[in-house]
Structures are given as C-alpha cells and as structure tokens.
C-alpha cells in the first residue's frame, strides 16, 4: 500500500479516515495494527481486501483471487446461516471454480481437523455452533484458498475471555505450520504484543487521520503466546 488516503463527506467537511499510509509485510510475518475505536482500523482492512478504494494512492494486491482472505470480528454475521459448514469453509474455492464438490468436501474435512472442528459436524448450520467454533470455521474458510495474506479484523473481541486464548494460540500454530502471513487488527495492544518484534525496538506509529487518534503498527515473526492458555477442547 502506497500513500493511501480515504475519507467521506462533502469536500468542505471531509473526514480523512486514513491519511498517507504506507504498509509492507514479508512472508510468514505478522503486521499488527492497533488503535482505539473509530481510528480507521476496519477501513484499512476493507482497503486491503478491495472492499473500498483509496481516494488517493494505490493498494497493490496479489493477482489471483485467493491472494488475500479475511477473518471478521463477528463470526456469526460473517457466515451464511443457510449453508452447511462444509460449504461455508469452501466458499472461496467454489467461487474460483477450482475443484469438484467431492474435492471441496474433502478439503473442508481436512481444514476442519486443522482448526479443531469435528468432520461429522460439517453438515450442520452455523447457529448450531458456539462463538469460538464459528470463529474456527471462519478461519478454516480463510485458509481454503491458500491465501498469501490473511487479514484478521479483531478476531477475538466478540468471543468469551475463556475462548480468546484458544483462538489466538490456534492462529499462531497455523502460522507456524503453514508459513502464513497475517495483518492483525486489534484495539487491544496486549493481543498484538504476543507477536514480539525480533530484536526489540520502538513501535512505529501510523496516523489514523482522525484528529489526535493514532494506530500503532509493527511487524513480528510468529511466536507462541506464552501468557495464553494452551489449546483446550476443540469443540467449545
């Protein structure tokens, strides 16, 4: 992303949600974006995913459709309530018409095991699962197209405290196993600080473009969450 800027409103009263933002990230790393509510974090996520276009500047994305995927804050509202879970998980692959239904079903079973969902649950609808399970399903969906980058927009803020640590540990485990690249967006500095920046150093600051509100951004290599609980029951 180069010198991106976006905003809303009339020309004389325009509010800049993001102003002069430059981002770069390397394969297998986590880029953390931290800021208070309203500072432009979700706007940034939508820009990265192509859901919004910058008013000025450019956002360069991978050429293939599966190049970037997103895990949303609220897993319930981001899952189609009418589809069985196995179809939800393989939606990105179905859109790209890359495989047969049988192959997609097998892919859904493989990914379900990786995120801690029993394959025999894959014919159920989203409402039959807990919040933590639904977020696991959303993570599996993001993985299905083998993306270059996964944007995590507040992936644990809608979950119970007891489940948040499990999801965070799952994300780190998947990153280590699959060499994933994350853009992790959160209002909670402690969530992103679990990805400690190699060699220490100051945290770069990025102007949110909303008065004095700012978002911190830093790059980190994948590491385990030492203060979080280990992965517990995969069916919570």
C-alpha atoms as a PDB file:
ATOM      1  CA  UNK A   1       0.000   0.000   0.000  1.00  0.00           C
ATOM      2  CA  UNK A   2       1.459   3.360  -1.069  1.00  0.00           C
ATOM      3  CA  UNK A   3       0.409   6.767   0.280  1.00  0.00           C
ATOM      4  CA  UNK A   4      -3.177   5.596   0.626  1.00  0.00           C
ATOM      5  CA  UNK A   5      -5.825   8.065   1.728  1.00  0.00           C
ATOM      6  CA  UNK A   6      -9.584   7.683   2.005  1.00  0.00           C
ATOM      7  CA  UNK A   7     -12.400   9.695   3.530  1.00  0.00           C
ATOM      8  CA  UNK A   8     -16.088  10.576   3.466  1.00  0.00           C
ATOM      9  CA  UNK A   9     -18.255  13.691   3.436  1.00  0.00           C
ATOM     10  CA  UNK A  10     -18.538  16.870   1.405  1.00  0.00           C
ATOM     11  CA  UNK A  11     -15.403  18.459   0.025  1.00  0.00           C
ATOM     12  CA  UNK A  12     -15.540  21.267   2.590  1.00  0.00           C
ATOM     13  CA  UNK A  13     -16.165  18.890   5.515  1.00  0.00           C
ATOM     14  CA  UNK A  14     -14.299  15.764   4.509  1.00  0.00           C
ATOM     15  CA  UNK A  15     -13.050  13.457   7.266  1.00  0.00           C
ATOM     16  CA  UNK A  16      -9.889  11.510   6.465  1.00  0.00           C
ATOM     17  CA  UNK A  17     -10.246   8.007   7.883  1.00  0.00           C
ATOM     18  CA  UNK A  18      -6.713   7.166   6.704  1.00  0.00           C
ATOM     19  CA  UNK A  19      -4.068   9.638   5.631  1.00  0.00           C
ATOM     20  CA  UNK A  20      -0.707   8.931   3.990  1.00  0.00           C
ATOM     21  CA  UNK A  21      -0.469   5.270   4.989  1.00  0.00           C
ATOM     22  CA  UNK A  22       2.383   3.036   3.763  1.00  0.00           C
ATOM     23  CA  UNK A  23       2.445  -0.689   4.618  1.00  0.00           C
ATOM     24  CA  UNK A  24       4.803  -3.519   3.730  1.00  0.00           C
ATOM     25  CA  UNK A  25       4.876  -7.059   5.089  1.00  0.00           C
ATOM     26  CA  UNK A  26       7.094 -10.071   4.431  1.00  0.00           C
ATOM     27  CA  UNK A  27       6.037 -13.675   4.017  1.00  0.00           C
ATOM     28  CA  UNK A  28       5.459 -15.537   7.287  1.00  0.00           C
ATOM     29  CA  UNK A  29       5.266 -12.383   9.412  1.00  0.00           C
ATOM     30  CA  UNK A  30       2.518 -10.641  11.351  1.00  0.00           C
ATOM     31  CA  UNK A  31       1.824  -6.943  10.885  1.00  0.00           C
ATOM     32  CA  UNK A  32      -0.058  -5.576  13.898  1.00  0.00           C
ATOM     33  CA  UNK A  33      -2.415  -2.593  13.596  1.00  0.00           C
ATOM     34  CA  UNK A  34      -3.537  -1.202  16.960  1.00  0.00           C
ATOM     35  CA  UNK A  35      -5.771   1.770  17.680  1.00  0.00           C
ATOM     36  CA  UNK A  36      -8.861   2.938  19.519  1.00  0.00           C
ATOM     37  CA  UNK A  37     -12.384   2.651  18.122  1.00  0.00           C
ATOM     38  CA  UNK A  38     -13.033   4.946  15.179  1.00  0.00           C
ATOM     39  CA  UNK A  39      -9.395   5.478  14.189  1.00  0.00           C
ATOM     40  CA  UNK A  40      -9.729   3.725  10.819  1.00  0.00           C
ATOM     41  CA  UNK A  41      -8.647   0.140  11.513  1.00  0.00           C
ATOM     42  CA  UNK A  42     -11.633  -1.522   9.839  1.00  0.00           C
ATOM     43  CA  UNK A  43     -11.443   0.975   6.976  1.00  0.00           C
ATOM     44  CA  UNK A  44      -7.856  -0.155   6.467  1.00  0.00           C
ATOM     45  CA  UNK A  45      -8.979  -3.799   6.418  1.00  0.00           C
ATOM     46  CA  UNK A  46     -11.593  -3.013   3.764  1.00  0.00           C
ATOM     47  CA  UNK A  47      -8.992  -1.183   1.674  1.00  0.00           C
ATOM     48  CA  UNK A  48      -6.626  -4.136   1.871  1.00  0.00           C
ATOM     49  CA  UNK A  49      -9.387  -6.518   0.775  1.00  0.00           C
ATOM     50  CA  UNK A  50     -10.536  -4.313  -2.098  1.00  0.00           C
ATOM     51  CA  UNK A  51     -13.912  -3.652  -0.469  1.00  0.00           C
ATOM     52  CA  UNK A  52     -13.077   0.080  -0.602  1.00  0.00           C
ATOM     53  CA  UNK A  53     -10.908   2.066  -2.991  1.00  0.00           C
ATOM     54  CA  UNK A  54      -8.473   4.703  -1.718  1.00  0.00           C
ATOM     55  CA  UNK A  55      -9.315   8.304  -2.585  1.00  0.00           C
ATOM     56  CA  UNK A  56      -5.618   8.859  -3.318  1.00  0.00           C
ATOM     57  CA  UNK A  57      -2.743   6.398  -3.693  1.00  0.00           C
ATOM     58  CA  UNK A  58      -2.729   2.718  -4.549  1.00  0.00           C
ATOM     59  CA  UNK A  59      -3.186  -0.671  -2.908  1.00  0.00           C
ATOM     60  CA  UNK A  60      -1.399  -3.489  -4.700  1.00  0.00           C
ATOM     61  CA  UNK A  61      -2.754  -6.988  -4.118  1.00  0.00           C
ATOM     62  CA  UNK A  62      -1.903 -10.461  -5.339  1.00  0.00           C
ATOM     63  CA  UNK A  63      -3.147 -11.207  -8.839  1.00  0.00           C
ATOM     64  CA  UNK A  64      -5.026 -14.429  -8.047  1.00  0.00           C
ATOM     65  CA  UNK A  65      -8.412 -14.273  -6.308  1.00  0.00           C
ATOM     66  CA  UNK A  66      -7.285 -16.263  -3.288  1.00  0.00           C
ATOM     67  CA  UNK A  67      -4.348 -13.955  -2.637  1.00  0.00           C
ATOM     68  CA  UNK A  68      -5.975 -12.344   0.415  1.00  0.00           C
ATOM     69  CA  UNK A  69      -8.686 -13.570   2.756  1.00  0.00           C
ATOM     70  CA  UNK A  70     -10.274 -12.060   5.848  1.00  0.00           C
ATOM     71  CA  UNK A  71     -11.470 -13.237   9.258  1.00  0.00           C
ATOM     72  CA  UNK A  72     -14.124 -10.844  10.554  1.00  0.00           C
ATOM     73  CA  UNK A  73     -14.804  -9.670  14.089  1.00  0.00           C
ATOM     74  CA  UNK A  74     -18.260 -11.260  14.405  1.00  0.00           C
ATOM     75  CA  UNK A  75     -18.172 -14.865  13.190  1.00  0.00           C
ATOM     76  CA  UNK A  76     -21.968 -15.288  13.266  1.00  0.00           C
ATOM     77  CA  UNK A  77     -22.764 -12.381  10.938  1.00  0.00           C
ATOM     78  CA  UNK A  78     -19.930 -13.335   8.560  1.00  0.00           C
ATOM     79  CA  UNK A  79     -21.224 -16.894   7.974  1.00  0.00           C
ATOM     80  CA  UNK A  80     -24.168 -17.645   5.671  1.00  0.00           C
ATOM     81  CA  UNK A  81     -26.867 -19.058   8.017  1.00  0.00           C
ATOM     82  CA  UNK A  82     -28.412 -21.135   5.203  1.00  0.00           C
ATOM     83  CA  UNK A  83     -25.307 -23.068   4.215  1.00  0.00           C
ATOM     84  CA  UNK A  84     -23.879 -26.175   5.902  1.00  0.00           C
ATOM     85  CA  UNK A  85     -20.471 -25.599   7.396  1.00  0.00           C
ATOM     86  CA  UNK A  86     -18.563 -27.610   4.798  1.00  0.00           C
ATOM     87  CA  UNK A  87     -19.902 -25.346   2.044  1.00  0.00           C
ATOM     88  CA  UNK A  88     -19.059 -22.226   4.060  1.00  0.00           C
ATOM     89  CA  UNK A  89     -15.476 -23.385   4.522  1.00  0.00           C
ATOM     90  CA  UNK A  90     -15.018 -23.992   0.800  1.00  0.00           C
ATOM     91  CA  UNK A  91     -16.832 -20.868  -0.464  1.00  0.00           C
ATOM     92  CA  UNK A  92     -13.615 -19.199  -1.735  1.00  0.00           C
ATOM     93  CA  UNK A  93     -12.713 -22.336  -3.694  1.00  0.00           C
ATOM     94  CA  UNK A  94     -16.258 -22.663  -5.074  1.00  0.00           C
ATOM     95  CA  UNK A  95     -16.213 -19.041  -6.284  1.00  0.00           C
ATOM     96  CA  UNK A  96     -12.962 -19.716  -8.123  1.00  0.00           C
ATOM     97  CA  UNK A  97     -14.379 -22.978  -9.576  1.00  0.00           C
ATOM     98  CA  UNK A  98     -11.104 -24.712  -8.789  1.00  0.00           C
ATOM     99  CA  UNK A  99     -12.355 -28.170  -7.771  1.00  0.00           C
ATOM    100  CA  UNK A 100     -15.247 -30.623  -7.791  1.00  0.00           C
ATOM    101  CA  UNK A 101     -17.794 -30.935  -4.997  1.00  0.00           C
ATOM    102  CA  UNK A 102     -16.149 -34.129  -3.787  1.00  0.00           C
ATOM    103  CA  UNK A 103     -12.758 -32.416  -3.645  1.00  0.00           C
ATOM    104  CA  UNK A 104     -14.256 -29.458  -1.783  1.00  0.00           C
ATOM    105  CA  UNK A 105     -15.847 -31.774   0.750  1.00  0.00           C
ATOM    106  CA  UNK A 106     -12.502 -33.462   1.392  1.00  0.00           C
ATOM    107  CA  UNK A 107     -10.823 -30.064   1.708  1.00  0.00           C
ATOM    108  CA  UNK A 108     -13.444 -28.987   4.250  1.00  0.00           C
ATOM    109  CA  UNK A 109     -12.813 -32.118   6.321  1.00  0.00           C
ATOM    110  CA  UNK A 110      -9.046 -31.583   6.263  1.00  0.00           C
ATOM    111  CA  UNK A 111      -9.331 -27.926   7.285  1.00  0.00           C
ATOM    112  CA  UNK A 112     -11.919 -28.711   9.962  1.00  0.00           C
ATOM    113  CA  UNK A 113      -9.456 -31.050  11.635  1.00  0.00           C
ATOM    114  CA  UNK A 114      -6.731 -28.399  11.478  1.00  0.00           C
ATOM    115  CA  UNK A 115      -8.881 -25.792  13.240  1.00  0.00           C
ATOM    116  CA  UNK A 116     -10.403 -28.168  15.808  1.00  0.00           C
ATOM    117  CA  UNK A 117     -13.865 -28.892  14.346  1.00  0.00           C
ATOM    118  CA  UNK A 118     -15.064 -32.498  14.098  1.00  0.00           C
ATOM    119  CA  UNK A 119     -15.677 -33.529  10.464  1.00  0.00           C
ATOM    120  CA  UNK A 120     -19.007 -35.126  11.428  1.00  0.00           C
ATOM    121  CA  UNK A 121     -20.283 -31.628  12.306  1.00  0.00           C
ATOM    122  CA  UNK A 122     -19.753 -30.260   8.796  1.00  0.00           C
ATOM    123  CA  UNK A 123     -23.362 -30.759   7.653  1.00  0.00           C
ATOM    124  CA  UNK A 124     -24.677 -28.570  10.471  1.00  0.00           C
ATOM    125  CA  UNK A 125     -25.662 -24.915  10.084  1.00  0.00           C
ATOM    126  CA  UNK A 126     -23.724 -22.081  11.791  1.00  0.00           C
ATOM    127  CA  UNK A 127     -26.336 -21.486  14.513  1.00  0.00           C
ATOM    128  CA  UNK A 128     -25.573 -24.951  15.937  1.00  0.00           C
ATOM    129  CA  UNK A 129     -22.062 -23.867  16.952  1.00  0.00           C
ATOM    130  CA  UNK A 130     -20.657 -21.733  19.757  1.00  0.00           C
ATOM    131  CA  UNK A 131     -18.921 -18.416  19.110  1.00  0.00           C
ATOM    132  CA  UNK A 132     -15.479 -19.974  19.362  1.00  0.00           C
ATOM    133  CA  UNK A 133     -16.425 -22.784  16.988  1.00  0.00           C
ATOM    134  CA  UNK A 134     -17.840 -20.312  14.475  1.00  0.00           C
ATOM    135  CA  UNK A 135     -14.585 -18.357  14.507  1.00  0.00           C
ATOM    136  CA  UNK A 136     -12.696 -21.600  13.888  1.00  0.00           C
ATOM    137  CA  UNK A 137     -14.972 -22.167  10.892  1.00  0.00           C
ATOM    138  CA  UNK A 138     -14.232 -18.638   9.646  1.00  0.00           C
ATOM    139  CA  UNK A 139     -10.502 -19.310   9.971  1.00  0.00           C
ATOM    140  CA  UNK A 140     -10.865 -22.559   8.015  1.00  0.00           C
ATOM    141  CA  UNK A 141     -12.714 -20.658   5.276  1.00  0.00           C
ATOM    142  CA  UNK A 142      -9.885 -18.131   5.071  1.00  0.00           C
ATOM    143  CA  UNK A 143      -7.379 -20.972   4.689  1.00  0.00           C
ATOM    144  CA  UNK A 144      -9.285 -22.832   1.966  1.00  0.00           C
ATOM    145  CA  UNK A 145      -7.924 -20.813  -0.977  1.00  0.00           C
ATOM    146  CA  UNK A 146      -4.323 -20.981   0.306  1.00  0.00           C
ATOM    147  CA  UNK A 147      -4.021 -17.169   0.564  1.00  0.00           C
ATOM    148  CA  UNK A 148      -0.825 -15.139   0.597  1.00  0.00           C
ATOM    149  CA  UNK A 149      -2.159 -12.877   3.380  1.00  0.00           C
ATOM    150  CA  UNK A 150      -4.958 -13.239   5.941  1.00  0.00           C
ATOM    151  CA  UNK A 151      -6.443 -10.053   7.393  1.00  0.00           C
ATOM    152  CA  UNK A 152      -7.614 -10.648  10.980  1.00  0.00           C
ATOM    153  CA  UNK A 153     -10.041  -7.868  11.942  1.00  0.00           C
ATOM    154  CA  UNK A 154     -10.472  -8.069  15.737  1.00  0.00           C
ATOM    155  CA  UNK A 155     -10.646 -11.890  15.555  1.00  0.00           C
ATOM    156  CA  UNK A 156     -11.217 -12.420  19.295  1.00  0.00           C
ATOM    157  CA  UNK A 157     -13.031  -9.308  20.552  1.00  0.00           C
ATOM    158  CA  UNK A 158     -16.516 -10.846  20.114  1.00  0.00           C
ATOM    159  CA  UNK A 159     -15.579 -14.034  21.992  1.00  0.00           C
ATOM    160  CA  UNK A 160     -15.650 -15.019  25.657  1.00  0.00           C
ATOM    161  CA  UNK A 161     -12.408 -14.467  27.538  1.00  0.00           C
ATOM    162  CA  UNK A 162     -12.016 -18.213  28.078  1.00  0.00           C
ATOM    163  CA  UNK A 163     -12.104 -18.831  24.315  1.00  0.00           C
ATOM    164  CA  UNK A 164      -9.964 -15.899  23.163  1.00  0.00           C
ATOM    165  CA  UNK A 165      -6.675 -17.509  24.200  1.00  0.00           C
ATOM    166  CA  UNK A 166      -7.584 -20.715  22.357  1.00  0.00           C
ATOM    167  CA  UNK A 167      -8.230 -18.830  19.114  1.00  0.00           C
ATOM    168  CA  UNK A 168      -5.016 -16.819  19.461  1.00  0.00           C
ATOM    169  CA  UNK A 169      -2.991 -19.975  20.023  1.00  0.00           C
ATOM    170  CA  UNK A 170      -4.693 -21.629  17.048  1.00  0.00           C
ATOM    171  CA  UNK A 171      -3.738 -18.705  14.801  1.00  0.00           C
ATOM    172  CA  UNK A 172      -0.106 -18.903  15.890  1.00  0.00           C
ATOM    173  CA  UNK A 173       0.015 -22.678  15.425  1.00  0.00           C
ATOM    174  CA  UNK A 174      -1.434 -22.395  11.922  1.00  0.00           C
ATOM    175  CA  UNK A 175       1.024 -19.628  11.075  1.00  0.00           C
ATOM    176  CA  UNK A 176       3.968 -21.764  12.112  1.00  0.00           C
ATOM    177  CA  UNK A 177       2.699 -24.873  10.326  1.00  0.00           C
ATOM    178  CA  UNK A 178       1.704 -23.153   7.069  1.00  0.00           C
ATOM    179  CA  UNK A 179       4.059 -20.135   6.988  1.00  0.00           C
ATOM    180  CA  UNK A 180       1.064 -17.787   6.964  1.00  0.00           C
ATOM    181  CA  UNK A 181       1.229 -14.007   6.742  1.00  0.00           C
ATOM    182  CA  UNK A 182      -1.165 -12.042   8.958  1.00  0.00           C
ATOM    183  CA  UNK A 183      -2.370  -8.468   9.183  1.00  0.00           C
ATOM    184  CA  UNK A 184      -3.690  -8.460  12.754  1.00  0.00           C
ATOM    185  CA  UNK A 185      -6.046  -5.591  13.644  1.00  0.00           C
ATOM    186  CA  UNK A 186      -6.983  -5.035  17.282  1.00  0.00           C
ATOM    187  CA  UNK A 187      -7.876  -2.349  19.812  1.00  0.00           C
ATOM    188  CA  UNK A 188      -6.080  -4.421  22.460  1.00  0.00           C
ATOM    189  CA  UNK A 189      -2.323  -3.852  22.480  1.00  0.00           C
ATOM    190  CA  UNK A 190      -1.723  -6.990  24.559  1.00  0.00           C
ATOM    191  CA  UNK A 191      -3.199  -9.186  21.811  1.00  0.00           C
ATOM    192  CA  UNK A 192      -0.664  -7.950  19.259  1.00  0.00           C
ATOM    193  CA  UNK A 193       2.224  -7.786  21.721  1.00  0.00           C
ATOM    194  CA  UNK A 194       2.202 -11.571  21.927  1.00  0.00           C
ATOM    195  CA  UNK A 195       3.875 -11.310  18.497  1.00  0.00           C
ATOM    196  CA  UNK A 196       7.070  -9.749  19.779  1.00  0.00           C
ATOM    197  CA  UNK A 197       9.172  -7.893  17.255  1.00  0.00           C
ATOM    198  CA  UNK A 198      12.512  -9.661  16.712  1.00  0.00           C
ATOM    199  CA  UNK A 199      15.385  -7.687  18.220  1.00  0.00           C
ATOM    200  CA  UNK A 200      13.099  -5.325  20.110  1.00  0.00           C
ATOM    201  CA  UNK A 201      12.963  -1.703  19.033  1.00  0.00           C
ATOM    202  CA  UNK A 202      10.351   1.012  19.055  1.00  0.00           C
ATOM    203  CA  UNK A 203       6.862   0.503  17.708  1.00  0.00           C
ATOM    204  CA  UNK A 204       6.337   2.608  14.554  1.00  0.00           C
ATOM    205  CA  UNK A 205       3.319   4.910  14.711  1.00  0.00           C
ATOM    206  CA  UNK A 206       0.841   5.435  11.884  1.00  0.00           C
ATOM    207  CA  UNK A 207      -1.528   8.419  11.748  1.00  0.00           C
ATOM    208  CA  UNK A 208      -5.158   7.305  11.643  1.00  0.00           C
ATOM    209  CA  UNK A 209      -6.130  10.657  10.156  1.00  0.00           C
ATOM    210  CA  UNK A 210      -8.778  11.386  12.815  1.00  0.00           C
ATOM    211  CA  UNK A 211      -7.568  14.248  14.990  1.00  0.00           C
ATOM    212  CA  UNK A 212      -5.000  13.065  17.507  1.00  0.00           C
ATOM    213  CA  UNK A 213      -6.096   9.434  17.293  1.00  0.00           C
ATOM    214  CA  UNK A 214      -3.362   7.147  16.072  1.00  0.00           C
ATOM    215  CA  UNK A 215      -2.823   3.479  15.371  1.00  0.00           C
ATOM    216  CA  UNK A 216       0.374   1.615  16.148  1.00  0.00           C
ATOM    217  CA  UNK A 217       1.719  -0.807  13.583  1.00  0.00           C
ATOM    218  CA  UNK A 218       4.599  -3.209  13.889  1.00  0.00           C
ATOM    219  CA  UNK A 219       5.966  -6.298  12.237  1.00  0.00           C
ATOM    220  CA  UNK A 220       6.640  -9.519  14.121  1.00  0.00           C
ATOM    221  CA  UNK A 221       7.813 -13.051  13.499  1.00  0.00           C
ATOM    222  CA  UNK A 222       5.399 -15.814  14.597  1.00  0.00           C
ATOM    223  CA  UNK A 223       5.783 -16.936  18.194  1.00  0.00           C
ATOM    224  CA  UNK A 224       3.720 -18.814  20.762  1.00  0.00           C
ATOM    225  CA  UNK A 225       1.566 -16.878  23.186  1.00  0.00           C
ATOM    226  CA  UNK A 226       3.356 -17.565  26.499  1.00  0.00           C
ATOM    227  CA  UNK A 227       0.710 -15.943  28.685  1.00  0.00           C
ATOM    228  CA  UNK A 228      -2.274 -17.540  26.984  1.00  0.00           C
ATOM    229  CA  UNK A 229      -3.817 -20.899  27.756  1.00  0.00           C
ATOM    230  CA  UNK A 230      -2.913 -23.807  25.559  1.00  0.00           C
ATOM    231  CA  UNK A 231      -5.440 -25.076  23.063  1.00  0.00           C
ATOM    232  CA  UNK A 232      -8.165 -26.769  25.014  1.00  0.00           C
ATOM    233  CA  UNK A 233     -11.197 -28.684  23.851  1.00  0.00           C
ATOM    234  CA  UNK A 234     -11.641 -28.166  20.105  1.00  0.00           C
ATOM    235  CA  UNK A 235     -15.430 -28.263  20.429  1.00  0.00           C
ATOM    236  CA  UNK A 236     -16.099 -25.217  22.599  1.00  0.00           C
END
